[in-house]
Protein backbone atom coordinates (compact mmCIF):
# COMPACT_ATOMS: atom_id res chain seq x y z
CA MET A 1 0.00 0.00 0.00
CA GLU A 2 1.23 3.47 -0.81
CA ALA A 3 0.86 6.24 1.79
CA ASP A 4 1.21 10.02 1.93
CA PRO A 5 3.70 11.73 4.33
CA ASN A 6 1.07 11.54 7.12
CA GLY A 7 0.73 7.77 6.70
CA GLU A 8 -2.71 7.98 5.10
CA PRO A 9 -3.35 5.42 2.34
CA THR A 10 -3.15 6.81 -1.19
CA GLY A 11 -3.17 3.72 -3.38
CA PHE A 12 -2.70 -0.01 -3.57
CA VAL A 13 0.09 -2.16 -4.94
CA PHE A 14 -0.76 -5.56 -6.42
CA ARG A 15 2.02 -8.12 -6.64
CA PRO A 16 1.95 -11.35 -8.67
CA VAL A 17 1.46 -14.51 -6.61
CA ALA A 18 2.22 -17.94 -8.04
CA THR A 19 -0.42 -20.19 -6.49
CA ASN A 20 -2.43 -18.90 -3.55
CA VAL A 21 -3.84 -15.45 -4.03
CA ARG A 22 -4.94 -13.23 -1.19
CA VAL A 23 -5.86 -9.62 -1.72
CA ARG A 24 -6.39 -7.42 1.31
CA LEU A 25 -7.41 -3.86 0.63
CA VAL A 26 -6.77 -1.46 3.49
CA GLY A 27 -7.69 2.20 3.43
CA VAL A 28 -9.95 4.27 1.25
CA PRO A 29 -9.85 3.60 -2.50
CA GLN A 30 -9.01 6.61 -4.64
CA THR A 31 -11.40 5.50 -7.35
CA THR A 32 -15.15 5.82 -7.06
CA GLY A 33 -18.30 4.95 -8.96
CA PRO A 34 -17.73 3.41 -12.40
CA GLN A 35 -13.95 3.12 -11.90
CA LEU A 36 -14.35 1.15 -8.68
CA LEU A 37 -16.99 -1.09 -10.26
CA HIS A 38 -14.67 -1.75 -13.21
CA LEU A 39 -11.79 -2.60 -10.85
CA LYS A 40 -14.00 -5.03 -8.92
CA GLN A 41 -15.06 -6.69 -12.20
CA VAL A 42 -11.43 -7.07 -13.32
CA ILE A 43 -10.44 -8.58 -9.97
CA LYS A 44 -13.36 -11.02 -10.21
CA LEU A 45 -12.28 -11.92 -13.77
CA ILE A 46 -8.72 -12.61 -12.56
CA PHE A 47 -10.07 -15.24 -10.16
CA GLN A 48 -12.42 -16.77 -12.75
CA ASP A 49 -10.17 -16.87 -15.81
CA ALA A 50 -6.64 -18.31 -15.90
CA ASN A 51 -5.77 -16.41 -19.10
CA THR A 52 -6.62 -13.07 -17.51
CA GLU A 53 -4.61 -13.93 -14.40
CA LYS A 54 -1.62 -14.94 -16.51
CA VAL A 55 -1.70 -11.87 -18.77
CA LEU A 56 -1.93 -9.47 -15.83
CA ARG A 57 0.79 -11.37 -13.96
CA LEU A 58 3.04 -11.12 -17.04
CA HIS A 59 2.35 -7.38 -17.25
CA GLY A 60 3.88 -7.17 -13.76
CA LEU A 61 7.24 -8.40 -15.07
CA PRO A 62 9.88 -6.08 -16.55
CA ASP A 63 9.13 -5.15 -20.16
CA SER A 64 10.92 -7.40 -22.64
CA TRP A 65 10.23 -8.82 -26.07
CA ASP A 66 9.83 -12.28 -24.55
CA THR A 67 7.24 -11.15 -22.00
CA LEU A 68 5.31 -9.08 -24.54
CA TYR A 69 5.21 -12.02 -26.94
CA LYS A 70 3.91 -14.32 -24.20
CA ILE A 71 1.13 -11.83 -23.45
CA PHE A 72 0.31 -11.66 -27.15
CA GLU A 73 0.22 -15.48 -27.41
CA VAL A 74 -2.16 -15.84 -24.46
CA ILE A 75 -4.55 -13.21 -25.83
CA GLU A 76 -4.39 -14.58 -29.37
CA GLY A 77 -4.94 -18.10 -28.05
CA ASP A 78 -8.01 -16.87 -26.20
CA VAL A 79 -9.69 -14.86 -28.98
CA GLY A 80 -7.88 -15.77 -32.22
CA ARG A 81 -8.67 -13.51 -35.19
CA LEU A 82 -10.76 -11.17 -33.05
CA ILE A 83 -7.51 -9.30 -32.40
CA LEU A 84 -7.62 -8.23 -36.05
CA ASP A 85 -11.39 -8.33 -36.62
CA LEU A 86 -12.06 -5.96 -33.68
CA LYS A 87 -9.09 -3.81 -34.75
CA TRP A 88 -7.16 -4.11 -31.50
CA MET A 89 -4.15 -4.09 -33.81
CA SER A 90 -3.72 -4.03 -37.55
CA LYS A 91 -2.37 -6.89 -39.63
CA THR A 92 0.72 -4.76 -40.33
CA GLN A 93 1.26 -4.05 -36.61
CA LYS A 94 0.91 -7.74 -35.79
CA ARG A 95 3.41 -8.72 -38.49
CA ARG A 96 5.93 -6.03 -37.45
CA PHE A 97 5.61 -7.07 -33.80
CA THR A 98 6.02 -10.80 -34.38
CA GLN A 99 8.82 -10.44 -36.92
CA THR A 100 10.74 -8.01 -34.71
CA ALA A 101 10.28 -10.15 -31.58
CA GLN A 102 11.59 -13.21 -33.41
CA SER A 103 14.54 -11.54 -35.16
CA PRO A 104 18.00 -11.91 -33.63
CA GLN A 105 19.32 -9.75 -36.47
CA VAL A 106 17.13 -6.86 -35.24
CA ILE A 107 17.04 -7.22 -31.43
CA GLY A 108 19.94 -9.57 -30.76
CA ASP A 109 19.88 -12.00 -27.86
CA GLU A 110 16.46 -10.83 -26.66
CA ALA A 111 14.88 -12.33 -29.80
CA ARG A 112 12.62 -15.34 -29.41
CA HIS A 113 14.71 -17.23 -31.98
CA GLY A 114 18.41 -17.98 -31.71
CA ARG A 115 19.01 -17.75 -35.44
CA GLN A 116 17.43 -15.70 -38.18
CA LYS A 117 14.82 -18.01 -39.77
CA GLU A 118 13.40 -15.54 -42.28
CA GLN A 119 14.09 -12.05 -43.54
CA PRO A 120 14.08 -9.46 -40.76
CA PRO A 121 11.26 -6.92 -40.90
CA LYS A 122 11.82 -3.98 -43.25
CA LYS A 123 10.50 -1.61 -40.56
CA PRO A 124 11.26 -3.14 -37.14
CA MET A 125 8.95 -2.16 -34.27
CA PRO A 126 10.66 -0.23 -31.46
CA LEU A 127 10.25 -1.79 -28.01
CA GLN A 128 8.21 1.16 -26.69
CA GLU A 129 5.77 0.86 -29.59
CA ALA A 130 5.42 -2.86 -28.84
CA ILE A 131 4.80 -2.12 -25.14
CA ASP A 132 2.13 0.45 -26.02
CA MET A 133 0.45 -1.86 -28.54
CA ILE A 134 0.36 -4.90 -26.23
CA THR A 135 -0.86 -2.77 -23.32
CA GLN A 136 -3.67 -1.33 -25.46
CA THR A 137 -4.53 -4.79 -26.79
CA THR A 138 -4.70 -6.08 -23.22
CA HIS A 139 -7.12 -3.28 -22.26
CA GLU A 140 -9.31 -4.03 -25.27
CA TRP A 141 -9.24 -7.78 -24.53
CA ILE A 142 -10.18 -7.33 -20.87
CA ASN A 143 -13.03 -4.97 -21.79
CA TYR A 144 -14.21 -7.51 -24.37
CA LYS A 145 -14.13 -10.30 -21.78
CA LEU A 146 -15.99 -8.15 -19.26
CA SER A 147 -18.66 -7.29 -21.85
CA ARG A 148 -19.36 -11.01 -22.28
CA GLN A 149 -19.79 -11.69 -18.54
CA PRO A 150 -23.31 -12.52 -17.37
């Protein structure tokens, strides 16, 4: 929990937990109304859906091509072509992301592959662009999942 100089709670810190999950909220939430309801729905989804739990746990790790690609794989495995059909990312963005993440010629030892298997992308995706795209895709995916809850 974060606190102001007087020791009053100002926010909450969530940490990834491997097996047993306990969340204890102490203090007064800074969000109200729709924001608090959304947060409660996301927390409920984490406990109901292993893919959501995994994606959000991975987002808690340091940003790397490997972690971003794992997040992408979990989301794509969950919704397939909806990533493109619902325009969470374009076909070009997806191709640039995957080709860059897999290319040792472009990103060196952080690449998912140890050797260059195909031509490197003509316009590699910078890491920050990949972070922004995967973060936005995650938001869209979670909102999609929440919209389908009973």
